[in-house]
PDB file of N, CA and C in Angstrom:
ATOM      1  N   MET A   1      50.587 -30.326  -3.964  1.00  0.00           N
ATOM      2  CA  MET A   1      50.672 -31.572  -3.755  1.00  0.00           C
ATOM      3  C   MET A   1      49.394 -32.101  -3.889  1.00  0.00           C
ATOM      4  N   ARG A   2      48.436 -30.929  -3.412  1.00  0.00           N
ATOM      5  CA  ARG A   2      46.618 -31.017  -3.258  1.00  0.00           C
ATOM      6  C   ARG A   2      46.384 -31.159  -4.673  1.00  0.00           C
ATOM      7  N   GLY A   3      46.559 -30.485  -5.437  1.00  0.00           N
ATOM      8  CA  GLY A   3      46.513 -30.439  -6.529  1.00  0.00           C
ATOM      9  C   GLY A   3      46.313 -31.726  -7.966  1.00  0.00           C
ATOM     10  N   GLY A   4      47.941 -32.279  -7.471  1.00  0.00           N
ATOM     11  CA  GLY A   4      48.051 -33.490  -8.012  1.00  0.00           C
ATOM     12  C   GLY A   4      46.769 -34.556  -8.153  1.00  0.00           C
ATOM     13  N   ALA A   5      46.334 -34.490  -6.361  1.00  0.00           N
ATOM     14  CA  ALA A   5      45.312 -35.277  -5.854  1.00  0.00           C
ATOM     15  C   ALA A   5      43.865 -34.886  -6.431  1.00  0.00           C
ATOM     16  N   ILE A   6      44.034 -33.881  -6.577  1.00  0.00           N
ATOM     17  CA  ILE A   6      42.672 -33.043  -7.307  1.00  0.00           C
ATOM     18  C   ILE A   6      42.412 -33.684  -8.376  1.00  0.00           C
ATOM     19  N   PHE A   7      43.782 -33.563  -9.461  1.00  0.00           N
ATOM     20  CA  PHE A   7      43.677 -34.133 -10.721  1.00  0.00           C
ATOM     21  C   PHE A   7      43.481 -35.635 -10.699  1.00  0.00           C
ATOM     22  N   LEU A   8      44.010 -36.299 -10.113  1.00  0.00           N
ATOM     23  CA  LEU A   8      44.073 -37.706  -9.823  1.00  0.00           C
ATOM     24  C   LEU A   8      42.554 -37.973  -9.434  1.00  0.00           C
ATOM     25  N   ALA A   9      41.977 -37.724  -8.816  1.00  0.00           N
ATOM     26  CA  ALA A   9      40.662 -38.185  -8.111  1.00  0.00           C
ATOM     27  C   ALA A   9      39.659 -37.761  -9.725  1.00  0.00           C
ATOM     28  N   PHE A  10      40.054 -37.094  -9.720  1.00  0.00           N
ATOM     29  CA  PHE A  10      38.422 -36.519 -10.782  1.00  0.00           C
ATOM     30  C   PHE A  10      38.885 -36.987 -12.695  1.00  0.00           C
ATOM     31  N   PHE A  11      40.330 -36.999 -12.667  1.00  0.00           N
ATOM     32  CA  PHE A  11      40.899 -38.112 -13.429  1.00  0.00           C
ATOM     33  C   PHE A  11      40.054 -39.518 -13.427  1.00  0.00           C
ATOM     34  N   VAL A  12      40.345 -39.909 -12.534  1.00  0.00           N
ATOM     35  CA  VAL A  12      39.566 -41.593 -12.315  1.00  0.00           C
ATOM     36  C   VAL A  12      38.158 -41.469 -12.162  1.00  0.00           C
ATOM     37  N   LEU A  13      37.529 -40.232 -11.760  1.00  0.00           N
ATOM     38  CA  LEU A  13      36.321 -40.561 -11.742  1.00  0.00           C
ATOM     39  C   LEU A  13      35.220 -40.105 -12.869  1.00  0.00           C
ATOM     40  N   PHE A  14      35.927 -39.443 -13.708  1.00  0.00           N
ATOM     41  CA  PHE A  14      35.441 -39.095 -15.177  1.00  0.00           C
ATOM     42  C   PHE A  14      35.670 -40.539 -16.348  1.00  0.00           C
ATOM     43  N   THR A  15      37.087 -40.881 -15.983  1.00  0.00           N
ATOM     44  CA  THR A  15      37.125 -41.857 -16.727  1.00  0.00           C
ATOM     45  C   THR A  15      36.544 -43.372 -16.257  1.00  0.00           C
ATOM     46  N   VAL A  16      35.893 -43.345 -14.848  1.00  0.00           N
ATOM     47  CA  VAL A  16      35.372 -44.659 -14.799  1.00  0.00           C
ATOM     48  C   VAL A  16      33.637 -44.070 -15.361  1.00  0.00           C
ATOM     49  N   ALA A  17      33.319 -43.043 -14.925  1.00  0.00           N
ATOM     50  CA  ALA A  17      32.141 -43.011 -15.486  1.00  0.00           C
ATOM     51  C   ALA A  17      31.757 -42.831 -17.052  1.00  0.00           C
ATOM     52  N   SER A  18      32.772 -42.383 -17.864  1.00  0.00           N
ATOM     53  CA  SER A  18      32.394 -42.129 -19.517  1.00  0.00           C
ATOM     54  C   SER A  18      32.853 -43.321 -19.795  1.00  0.00           C
ATOM     55  N   PHE A  19      33.425 -44.564 -19.448  1.00  0.00           N
ATOM     56  CA  PHE A  19      33.495 -45.576 -19.492  1.00  0.00           C
ATOM     57  C   PHE A  19      32.468 -46.832 -19.162  1.00  0.00           C
ATOM     58  N   SER A  20      32.150 -46.345 -18.455  1.00  0.00           N
ATOM     59  CA  SER A  20      30.624 -47.020 -17.791  1.00  0.00           C
ATOM     60  C   SER A  20      29.201 -46.834 -18.280  1.00  0.00           C
ATOM     61  N   VAL A  21      29.226 -45.638 -18.778  1.00  0.00           N
ATOM     62  CA  VAL A  21      27.769 -44.947 -18.702  1.00  0.00           C
ATOM     63  C   VAL A  21      27.915 -45.009 -20.942  1.00  0.00           C
ATOM     64  N   PRO A  22      27.003 -45.868 -21.182  1.00  0.00           N
ATOM     65  CA  PRO A  22      26.980 -45.781 -22.676  1.00  0.00           C
ATOM     66  C   PRO A  22      26.936 -44.731 -23.323  1.00  0.00           C
ATOM     67  N   VAL A  23      26.676 -43.587 -22.775  1.00  0.00           N
ATOM     68  CA  VAL A  23      26.315 -42.266 -23.765  1.00  0.00           C
ATOM     69  C   VAL A  23      27.510 -42.044 -24.315  1.00  0.00           C
ATOM     70  N   PRO A  24      27.743 -41.448 -25.419  1.00  0.00           N
ATOM     71  CA  PRO A  24      29.480 -40.503 -25.612  1.00  0.00           C
ATOM     72  C   PRO A  24      29.494 -39.289 -25.089  1.00  0.00           C
ATOM     73  N   LEU A  25      30.242 -38.549 -24.352  1.00  0.00           N
ATOM     74  CA  LEU A  25      30.601 -37.152 -23.988  1.00  0.00           C
ATOM     75  C   LEU A  25      31.826 -36.662 -24.985  1.00  0.00           C
ATOM     76  N   PHE A  26      31.653 -35.347 -24.808  1.00  0.00           N
ATOM     77  CA  PHE A  26      32.416 -34.499 -25.750  1.00  0.00           C
ATOM     78  C   PHE A  26      33.511 -34.448 -24.540  1.00  0.00           C
ATOM     79  N   PRO A  27      34.742 -34.405 -24.695  1.00  0.00           N
ATOM     80  CA  PRO A  27      35.446 -34.376 -26.033  1.00  0.00           C
ATOM     81  C   PRO A  27      35.903 -35.746 -26.600  1.00  0.00           C
ATOM     82  N   GLY A  28      35.347 -36.893 -25.892  1.00  0.00           N
ATOM     83  CA  GLY A  28      36.312 -38.176 -25.818  1.00  0.00           C
ATOM     84  C   GLY A  28      35.671 -38.735 -26.929  1.00  0.00           C
ATOM     85  N   ASN A  29      34.425 -38.173 -27.430  1.00  0.00           N
ATOM     86  CA  ASN A  29      33.495 -38.901 -29.007  1.00  0.00           C
ATOM     87  C   ASN A  29      34.263 -38.308 -29.869  1.00  0.00           C
ATOM     88  N   LEU A  30      34.980 -37.664 -29.866  1.00  0.00           N
ATOM     89  CA  LEU A  30      35.297 -36.707 -31.365  1.00  0.00           C
ATOM     90  C   LEU A  30      36.656 -37.875 -31.595  1.00  0.00           C
ATOM     91  N   VAL A  31      37.349 -38.032 -30.286  1.00  0.00           N
ATOM     92  CA  VAL A  31      38.854 -38.779 -30.594  1.00  0.00           C
ATOM     93  C   VAL A  31      38.851 -39.967 -31.651  1.00  0.00           C
ATOM     94  N   PRO A  32      37.644 -41.205 -31.893  1.00  0.00           N
ATOM     95  CA  PRO A  32      37.469 -42.033 -32.657  1.00  0.00           C
ATOM     96  C   PRO A  32      37.004 -41.401 -33.916  1.00  0.00           C
ATOM     97  N   SER A  33      35.783 -40.563 -33.812  1.00  0.00           N
ATOM     98  CA  SER A  33      35.383 -40.223 -34.796  1.00  0.00           C
ATOM     99  C   SER A  33      36.102 -39.468 -35.939  1.00  0.00           C
ATOM    100  N   LEU A  34      36.972 -38.511 -35.619  1.00  0.00           N
ATOM    101  CA  LEU A  34      37.716 -37.521 -36.423  1.00  0.00           C
ATOM    102  C   LEU A  34      38.955 -38.532 -36.823  1.00  0.00           C
ATOM    103  N   GLY A  35      38.989 -39.799 -36.939  1.00  0.00           N
ATOM    104  CA  GLY A  35      40.415 -40.557 -37.115  1.00  0.00           C
ATOM    105  C   GLY A  35      41.988 -39.732 -37.133  1.00  0.00           C
ATOM    106  N   PHE A  36      42.151 -39.444 -35.897  1.00  0.00           N
ATOM    107  CA  PHE A  36      43.625 -39.021 -35.333  1.00  0.00           C
ATOM    108  C   PHE A  36      44.594 -40.373 -35.332  1.00  0.00           C
ATOM    109  N   VAL A  37      43.742 -41.278 -34.489  1.00  0.00           N
ATOM    110  CA  VAL A  37      44.177 -42.437 -34.188  1.00  0.00           C
ATOM    111  C   VAL A  37      43.560 -43.607 -35.047  1.00  0.00           C
ATOM    112  N   THR A  38      44.072 -44.423 -35.673  1.00  0.00           N
ATOM    113  CA  THR A  38      43.309 -45.649 -35.751  1.00  0.00           C
ATOM    114  C   THR A  38      43.698 -46.632 -35.142  1.00  0.00           C
ATOM    115  N   LEU A  39      41.951 -46.856 -34.735  1.00  0.00           N
ATOM    116  CA  LEU A  39      42.323 -47.924 -33.418  1.00  0.00           C
ATOM    117  C   LEU A  39      41.292 -48.864 -33.537  1.00  0.00           C
ATOM    118  N   PRO A  40      41.625 -50.295 -33.395  1.00  0.00           N
ATOM    119  CA  PRO A  40      40.449 -51.260 -33.553  1.00  0.00           C
ATOM    120  C   PRO A  40      39.115 -50.921 -32.693  1.00  0.00           C
ATOM    121  N   THR A  41      37.858 -51.163 -33.333  1.00  0.00           N
ATOM    122  CA  THR A  41      36.926 -50.588 -32.339  1.00  0.00           C
ATOM    123  C   THR A  41      36.363 -51.121 -30.997  1.00  0.00           C
ATOM    124  N   ALA A  42      37.273 -52.135 -30.616  1.00  0.00           N
ATOM    125  CA  ALA A  42      37.131 -52.609 -29.465  1.00  0.00           C
ATOM    126  C   ALA A  42      37.642 -51.521 -28.469  1.00  0.00           C
ATOM    127  N   TYR A  43      38.700 -50.800 -28.510  1.00  0.00           N
ATOM    128  CA  TYR A  43      39.613 -50.246 -27.839  1.00  0.00           C
ATOM    129  C   TYR A  43      38.937 -48.465 -27.838  1.00  0.00           C
ATOM    130  N   ALA A  44      38.110 -48.234 -28.497  1.00  0.00           N
ATOM    131  CA  ALA A  44      37.502 -46.812 -28.622  1.00  0.00           C
ATOM    132  C   ALA A  44      36.705 -46.282 -27.960  1.00  0.00           C
ATOM    133  N   PRO A  45      36.129 -46.723 -27.014  1.00  0.00           N
ATOM    134  CA  PRO A  45      35.467 -46.881 -25.870  1.00  0.00           C
ATOM    135  C   PRO A  45      36.480 -46.299 -24.496  1.00  0.00           C
ATOM    136  N   PHE A  46      37.702 -46.921 -24.813  1.00  0.00           N
ATOM    137  CA  PHE A  46      38.541 -46.856 -23.357  1.00  0.00           C
ATOM    138  C   PHE A  46      39.509 -45.898 -23.830  1.00  0.00           C
ATOM    139  N   VAL A  47      39.432 -45.180 -24.878  1.00  0.00           N
ATOM    140  CA  VAL A  47      40.426 -44.288 -25.486  1.00  0.00           C
ATOM    141  C   VAL A  47      39.792 -43.195 -25.106  1.00  0.00           C
ATOM    142  N   SER A  48      38.353 -43.023 -25.460  1.00  0.00           N
ATOM    143  CA  SER A  48      37.143 -41.672 -25.262  1.00  0.00           C
ATOM    144  C   SER A  48      37.278 -41.774 -23.817  1.00  0.00           C
ATOM    145  N   ALA A  49      37.110 -42.679 -23.266  1.00  0.00           N
ATOM    146  CA  ALA A  49      36.923 -42.332 -21.358  1.00  0.00           C
ATOM    147  C   ALA A  49      38.437 -41.773 -21.064  1.00  0.00           C
ATOM    148  N   VAL A  50      39.486 -42.460 -21.049  1.00  0.00           N
ATOM    149  CA  VAL A  50      40.748 -41.621 -21.243  1.00  0.00           C
ATOM    150  C   VAL A  50      41.195 -40.617 -21.504  1.00  0.00           C
ATOM    151  N   VAL A  51      40.356 -39.595 -23.188  1.00  0.00           N
ATOM    152  CA  VAL A  51      40.696 -38.654 -23.177  1.00  0.00           C
ATOM    153  C   VAL A  51      39.305 -37.596 -22.067  1.00  0.00           C
ATOM    154  N   ASN A  52      38.406 -38.546 -22.131  1.00  0.00           N
ATOM    155  CA  ASN A  52      37.377 -37.381 -20.903  1.00  0.00           C
ATOM    156  C   ASN A  52      38.208 -37.131 -19.379  1.00  0.00           C
ATOM    157  N   GLY A  53      38.671 -37.975 -19.327  1.00  0.00           N
ATOM    158  CA  GLY A  53      39.417 -38.129 -18.178  1.00  0.00           C
ATOM    159  C   GLY A  53      40.127 -37.178 -18.015  1.00  0.00           C
ATOM    160  N   VAL A  54      40.914 -36.968 -18.487  1.00  0.00           N
ATOM    161  CA  VAL A  54      42.490 -36.399 -18.726  1.00  0.00           C
ATOM    162  C   VAL A  54      41.671 -34.909 -19.093  1.00  0.00           C
ATOM    163  N   VAL A  55      40.696 -34.335 -19.912  1.00  0.00           N
ATOM    164  CA  VAL A  55      40.419 -33.189 -20.180  1.00  0.00           C
ATOM    165  C   VAL A  55      39.821 -32.707 -18.580  1.00  0.00           C
ATOM    166  N   TYR A  56      38.634 -33.102 -18.308  1.00  0.00           N
ATOM    167  CA  TYR A  56      37.953 -32.721 -17.308  1.00  0.00           C
ATOM    168  C   TYR A  56      38.132 -33.080 -16.116  1.00  0.00           C
ATOM    169  N   GLY A  57      39.488 -34.089 -16.166  1.00  0.00           N
ATOM    170  CA  GLY A  57      40.469 -33.445 -14.723  1.00  0.00           C
ATOM    171  C   GLY A  57      40.993 -32.713 -14.838  1.00  0.00           C
ATOM    172  N   PHE A  58      41.773 -32.148 -16.076  1.00  0.00           N
ATOM    173  CA  PHE A  58      42.407 -30.277 -16.117  1.00  0.00           C
ATOM    174  C   PHE A  58      41.534 -29.716 -16.053  1.00  0.00           C
ATOM    175  N   VAL A  59      40.452 -29.534 -16.257  1.00  0.00           N
ATOM    176  CA  VAL A  59      39.658 -28.754 -16.068  1.00  0.00           C
ATOM    177  C   VAL A  59      39.163 -28.054 -14.852  1.00  0.00           C
ATOM    178  N   VAL A  60      39.033 -29.433 -13.778  1.00  0.00           N
ATOM    179  CA  VAL A  60      38.736 -29.414 -12.831  1.00  0.00           C
ATOM    180  C   VAL A  60      39.874 -28.907 -11.525  1.00  0.00           C
ATOM    181  N   TRP A  61      41.052 -29.307 -11.827  1.00  0.00           N
ATOM    182  CA  TRP A  61      42.547 -29.131 -11.524  1.00  0.00           C
ATOM    183  C   TRP A  61      42.310 -27.454 -11.436  1.00  0.00           C
ATOM    184  N   LEU A  62      42.449 -26.897 -12.458  1.00  0.00           N
ATOM    185  CA  LEU A  62      42.384 -25.527 -13.147  1.00  0.00           C
ATOM    186  C   LEU A  62      41.800 -24.644 -12.559  1.00  0.00           C
ATOM    187  N   VAL A  63      40.417 -25.045 -11.999  1.00  0.00           N
ATOM    188  CA  VAL A  63      39.211 -24.674 -11.626  1.00  0.00           C
ATOM    189  C   VAL A  63      39.941 -24.105 -10.258  1.00  0.00           C
ATOM    190  N   PHE A  64      40.186 -25.513  -9.346  1.00  0.00           N
ATOM    191  CA  PHE A  64      40.878 -25.671  -7.746  1.00  0.00           C
ATOM    192  C   PHE A  64      42.187 -24.515  -7.941  1.00  0.00           C
ATOM    193  N   VAL A  65      43.195 -24.840  -8.720  1.00  0.00           N
ATOM    194  CA  VAL A  65      44.268 -24.075  -8.690  1.00  0.00           C
ATOM    195  C   VAL A  65      43.631 -22.444  -8.867  1.00  0.00           C
ATOM    196  N   LEU A  66      43.278 -21.981  -9.476  1.00  0.00           N
ATOM    197  CA  LEU A  66      42.605 -20.206  -9.887  1.00  0.00           C
ATOM    198  C   LEU A  66      41.958 -20.145  -8.400  1.00  0.00           C
ATOM    199  N   VAL A  67      41.089 -20.858  -7.812  1.00  0.00           N
ATOM    200  CA  VAL A  67      39.826 -20.488  -6.925  1.00  0.00           C
ATOM    201  C   VAL A  67      41.153 -20.498  -5.554  1.00  0.00           C
ATOM    202  N   SER A  68      42.035 -21.724  -5.529  1.00  0.00           N
ATOM    203  CA  SER A  68      42.948 -21.460  -4.091  1.00  0.00           C
ATOM    204  C   SER A  68      44.085 -20.300  -4.287  1.00  0.00           C
ATOM    205  N   ARG A  69      44.103 -19.773  -5.292  1.00  0.00           N
ATOM    206  CA  ARG A  69      44.881 -18.942  -5.546  1.00  0.00           C
ATOM    207  C   ARG A  69      44.675 -17.584  -5.034  1.00  0.00           C
ATOM    208  N   ARG A  70      43.348 -17.481  -5.784  1.00  0.00           N
ATOM    209  CA  ARG A  70      41.999 -16.578  -5.001  1.00  0.00           C
ATOM    210  C   ARG A  70      42.080 -16.115  -3.472  1.00  0.00           C
ATOM    211  N   PHE A  71      41.563 -17.458  -2.892  1.00  0.00           N
ATOM    212  CA  PHE A  71      41.927 -17.008  -1.239  1.00  0.00           C
ATOM    213  C   PHE A  71      43.447 -17.201  -0.682  1.00  0.00           C
ATOM    214  N   GLU A  72      44.346 -17.639  -1.080  1.00  0.00           N
ATOM    215  CA  GLU A  72      45.480 -17.344  -0.356  1.00  0.00           C
ATOM    216  C   GLU A  72      46.402 -16.251  -0.630  1.00  0.00           C
ATOM    217  N   GLU A  73      45.794 -15.116  -2.018  1.00  0.00           N
ATOM    218  CA  GLU A  73      46.660 -14.148  -2.269  1.00  0.00           C
ATOM    219  C   GLU A  73      46.041 -12.993  -1.044  1.00  0.00           C
ATOM    220  N   PRO A  74      45.307 -13.111  -0.821  1.00  0.00           N
ATOM    221  CA  PRO A  74      44.739 -11.804   0.498  1.00  0.00           C
ATOM    222  C   PRO A  74      45.896 -12.006   2.015  1.00  0.00           C
ATOM    223  N   LYS A  75      45.516 -13.230   2.126  1.00  0.00           N
ATOM    224  CA  LYS A  75      46.255 -13.794   3.238  1.00  0.00           C
ATOM    225  C   LYS A  75      48.269 -13.433   3.121  1.00  0.00           C
ATOM    226  N   VAL A  76      48.832 -13.767   1.936  1.00  0.00           N
ATOM    227  CA  VAL A  76      50.086 -13.236   1.431  1.00  0.00           C
ATOM    228  C   VAL A  76      50.481 -11.844   1.773  1.00  0.00           C
ATOM    229  N   THR A  77      49.441 -11.431   0.679  1.00  0.00           N
ATOM    230  CA  THR A  77      49.433  -9.778   0.932  1.00  0.00           C
ATOM    231  C   THR A  77      49.424  -9.043   2.415  1.00  0.00           C
ATOM    232  N   GLU A  78      48.568  -9.608   3.457  1.00  0.00           N
ATOM    233  CA  GLU A  78      48.789  -9.221   4.746  1.00  0.00           C
ATOM    234  C   GLU A  78      49.859  -9.582   5.674  1.00  0.00           C
ATOM    235  N   ILE A  79      50.545 -10.766   5.327  1.00  0.00           N
ATOM    236  CA  ILE A  79      51.335 -10.998   5.999  1.00  0.00           C
ATOM    237  C   ILE A  79      52.799 -10.072   5.577  1.00  0.00           C
ATOM    238  N   ARG A  80      52.901  -9.574   4.163  1.00  0.00           N
ATOM    239  CA  ARG A  80      53.602  -8.691   3.851  1.00  0.00           C
ATOM    240  C   ARG A  80      53.460  -7.354   4.075  1.00  0.00           C
ATOM    241  N   ARG A  81      51.819  -6.928   4.401  1.00  0.00           N
ATOM    242  CA  ARG A  81      51.751  -5.869   5.010  1.00  0.00           C
ATOM    243  C   ARG A  81      52.107  -5.546   6.124  1.00  0.00           C
ATOM    244  N   ARG A  82      52.149  -6.743   7.278  1.00  0.00           N
ATOM    245  CA  ARG A  82      52.361  -6.889   8.779  1.00  0.00           C
ATOM    246  C   ARG A  82      54.100  -6.587   8.795  1.00  0.00           C
ATOM    247  N   GLY A  83      54.901  -7.595   8.110  1.00  0.00           N
ATOM    248  CA  GLY A  83      56.241  -7.348   7.778  1.00  0.00           C
ATOM    249  C   GLY A  83      56.510  -5.758   7.798  1.00  0.00           C
ATOM    250  N   GLN A  84      55.910  -5.512   6.908  1.00  0.00           N
ATOM    251  CA  GLN A  84      56.562  -3.907   6.136  1.00  0.00           C
ATOM    252  C   GLN A  84      56.185  -2.783   7.382  1.00  0.00           C
ATOM    253  N   ARG A  85      54.911  -2.938   8.027  1.00  0.00           N
ATOM    254  CA  ARG A  85      54.455  -2.410   9.235  1.00  0.00           C
ATOM    255  C   ARG A  85      55.413  -2.389  10.166  1.00  0.00           C
ATOM    256  N   ASN A  86      56.214  -3.799  10.650  1.00  0.00           N
ATOM    257  CA  ASN A  86      57.178  -4.457  11.850  1.00  0.00           C
ATOM    258  C   ASN A  86      58.238  -3.941  11.892  1.00  0.00           C
ATOM    259  N   LYS A  87      58.867  -3.389   9.890  1.00  0.00           N
ATOM    260  CA  LYS A  87      60.306  -3.091   9.736  1.00  0.00           C
ATOM    261  C   LYS A  87      60.066  -1.395  10.037  1.00  0.00           C
ATOM    262  N   LYS A  88      59.196  -0.860   9.695  1.00  0.00           N
ATOM    263  CA  LYS A  88      58.998   0.736   9.728  1.00  0.00           C
ATOM    264  C   LYS A  88      58.911   0.874  11.484  1.00  0.00           C
ATOM    265  N   ARG A  89      58.611  -0.020  12.287  1.00  0.00           N
ATOM    266  CA  ARG A  89      58.604   0.279  13.750  1.00  0.00           C
ATOM    267  C   ARG A  89      60.026   0.217  14.381  1.00  0.00           C
ATOM    268  N   SER A  90      60.531  -0.353  13.999  1.00  0.00           N
ATOM    269  CA  SER A  90      62.134  -0.619  14.090  1.00  0.00           C
ATOM    270  C   SER A  90      62.690   0.613  14.125  1.00  0.00           C
TER     271      SER A  90
END
C-alpha cells in the first residue's frame, strides 16, 4: 500500500515538473523525437511529461521497495530465530 502511494506521489510530482519546466528531460523527450507515436505537436509536451512521470515514479518506487526489504529482512529473520529457539526449549 505504501509503495502505491510512493509511486503516485512521485508520478504526479515528476509529471507536473516535466510539464511546467520547459527543459526537455530524458526519457520523455525521446518519445516525440523517435516517432513511435504520431502526435499533434500540441500533445507532445504532455505525453513527454507523462512518460517522465511513469519512468521516474517507477524508479523511485523500485528504490523504495528494495530499501524497505533491506530493512525489514533482519526483523523477519530475527522473529524466525526466536520462534525456533522457543520450539527447542519446549
